[in-house]
Protein backbone atom coordinates (compact mmCIF):
# COMPACT_ATOMS: atom_id res chain seq x y z
CA MET A 1 29.78 110.18 185.99
CA LYS A 2 32.33 111.60 188.41
CA LEU A 3 35.95 110.48 188.10
CA HIS A 4 36.07 109.32 191.73
CA GLU A 5 33.17 106.94 190.92
CA ILE A 6 35.01 105.58 187.88
CA ILE A 7 38.08 104.90 190.02
CA LYS A 8 35.99 102.63 192.26
CA PHE A 9 34.51 100.72 189.29
CA VAL A 10 37.98 99.96 187.89
CA ASP A 11 39.72 99.16 191.21
CA GLY A 12 41.95 102.11 190.38
CA THR A 13 44.89 103.65 192.16
CA ILE A 14 45.30 107.40 191.85
CA LEU A 15 48.74 108.44 190.59
CA THR A 16 48.13 112.20 190.71
CA PRO A 17 46.41 112.75 194.09
CA GLU A 18 46.90 116.51 193.92
CA LEU A 19 44.44 116.80 191.01
CA ASN A 20 40.65 117.14 191.20
CA LEU A 21 38.84 113.79 191.12
CA ASN A 22 35.38 115.35 191.29
CA ILE A 23 35.30 116.14 187.56
CA ASN A 24 32.55 114.96 185.23
CA ILE A 25 33.42 112.26 182.70
CA HIS A 26 30.87 111.94 179.88
CA GLY A 27 32.21 108.84 178.10
CA GLY A 28 35.08 106.44 177.65
CA TYR A 29 37.54 105.43 174.96
CA GLY A 30 40.09 102.60 174.98
CA ALA A 31 43.08 102.50 172.60
CA ASP A 32 46.82 102.10 172.35
CA LEU A 33 47.24 103.82 168.99
CA MET A 34 47.31 107.54 169.64
CA SER A 35 46.49 108.20 165.99
CA ASP A 36 43.19 106.37 166.57
CA VAL A 37 42.55 108.46 169.67
CA LEU A 38 42.98 111.66 167.69
CA ALA A 39 40.90 110.40 164.76
CA ALA A 40 37.99 108.73 166.51
CA SER A 41 37.49 110.10 170.02
CA GLN A 42 35.17 112.66 171.51
CA PRO A 43 36.00 115.23 174.22
CA ASN A 44 35.22 114.99 177.94
CA ALA A 45 36.05 111.28 178.10
CA VAL A 46 38.42 109.06 180.03
CA LEU A 47 41.17 107.36 178.02
CA LEU A 48 42.02 103.72 178.79
CA THR A 49 45.42 102.71 177.47
CA GLY A 50 48.46 100.52 177.97
CA LEU A 51 50.87 103.21 176.84
CA THR A 52 52.69 105.10 179.59
CA ASN A 53 54.90 107.62 177.82
CA PRO A 54 54.41 111.42 177.85
CA GLN A 55 52.86 111.30 174.36
CA VAL A 56 49.72 109.80 175.95
CA VAL A 57 49.22 112.96 178.00
CA ARG A 58 49.90 115.21 175.01
CA THR A 59 47.36 113.27 172.95
CA ALA A 60 44.79 113.36 175.77
CA GLN A 61 45.26 117.10 176.02
CA MET A 62 44.81 117.60 172.27
CA ALA A 63 41.69 115.40 172.21
CA ASP A 64 40.27 117.11 175.32
CA PHE A 65 40.22 114.02 177.54
CA ARG A 66 39.59 114.55 181.25
CA ALA A 67 41.62 111.63 182.68
CA ILE A 68 43.77 108.64 181.73
CA ILE A 69 43.55 105.10 183.14
CA PHE A 70 46.50 102.77 182.57
CA VAL A 71 45.48 99.14 182.11
CA ARG A 72 47.09 95.96 183.51
CA GLY A 73 48.69 97.80 186.45
CA LYS A 74 51.04 99.74 184.22
CA GLN A 75 53.00 102.59 185.79
CA PRO A 76 53.77 105.72 183.79
CA GLN A 77 57.21 107.17 183.32
CA HIS A 78 58.24 110.00 185.66
CA GLU A 79 58.00 112.50 182.79
CA THR A 80 54.43 111.36 182.13
CA LEU A 81 53.43 112.03 185.74
CA GLU A 82 55.02 115.47 185.67
CA LEU A 83 53.36 116.44 182.40
CA ALA A 84 49.95 115.20 183.56
CA SER A 85 50.22 117.28 186.72
CA GLN A 86 51.19 120.36 184.69
CA GLU A 87 48.30 119.82 182.28
CA ASN A 88 45.80 118.96 185.03
CA ILE A 89 45.01 115.49 183.65
CA PRO A 90 44.48 112.91 186.42
CA LEU A 91 46.27 109.59 186.00
CA ILE A 92 44.96 106.31 187.40
CA THR A 93 46.26 102.76 187.13
CA SER A 94 44.09 99.65 187.28
CA PRO A 95 45.15 96.00 187.60
CA LEU A 96 42.47 95.03 185.07
CA GLY A 97 42.91 94.58 181.33
CA MET A 98 41.44 96.80 178.63
CA PHE A 99 38.51 94.49 177.82
CA GLU A 100 37.47 94.15 181.46
CA LEU A 101 37.78 97.89 182.11
CA CYS A 102 35.71 98.85 179.09
CA GLY A 103 33.05 96.31 180.05
CA ARG A 104 32.85 97.47 183.65
CA LEU A 105 32.55 101.13 182.71
CA HIS A 106 29.97 100.48 180.02
CA LYS A 107 27.92 98.31 182.39
CA ALA A 108 28.09 101.12 184.97
CA GLY A 109 26.47 103.45 182.44
CA LEU A 110 29.45 105.25 180.90
CA PRO A 111 28.87 105.47 177.13
CA SER A 112 31.45 104.74 174.49
CA PHE A 113 32.95 107.90 173.01
CA GLU A 114 34.52 106.12 170.07
CA SER A 115 33.43 107.60 166.75
CA ASN A 116 33.35 105.66 163.52
CA VAL A 117 36.07 106.62 161.10
CA SER A 118 35.66 105.57 157.48
CA GLN A 119 38.76 104.12 155.87
């Protein structure tokens, strides 16, 4: 699914308009614990999160995410926007909560990219 399609499904607002929104997204992952993201995600996904600090972009880069969507209308810090632009990771904000966003994207055909991690 193309990122510009995902933005429509989530009623998203683009925070990094200079970046390419025609990229392919293969799956989705929602989390606020970046350790979970690193341990249980798959590449080429979109990350849904309520965290807005620069560490989110660094984690997305390490886990090979293609974009980040901030839930509940959250706005990232200025440093987060700058880092995302430098690393070519589009940022979007949506007024919807995590549960609603995950449901909408899954219903639209975007698979979950959350891997099982044994304790």
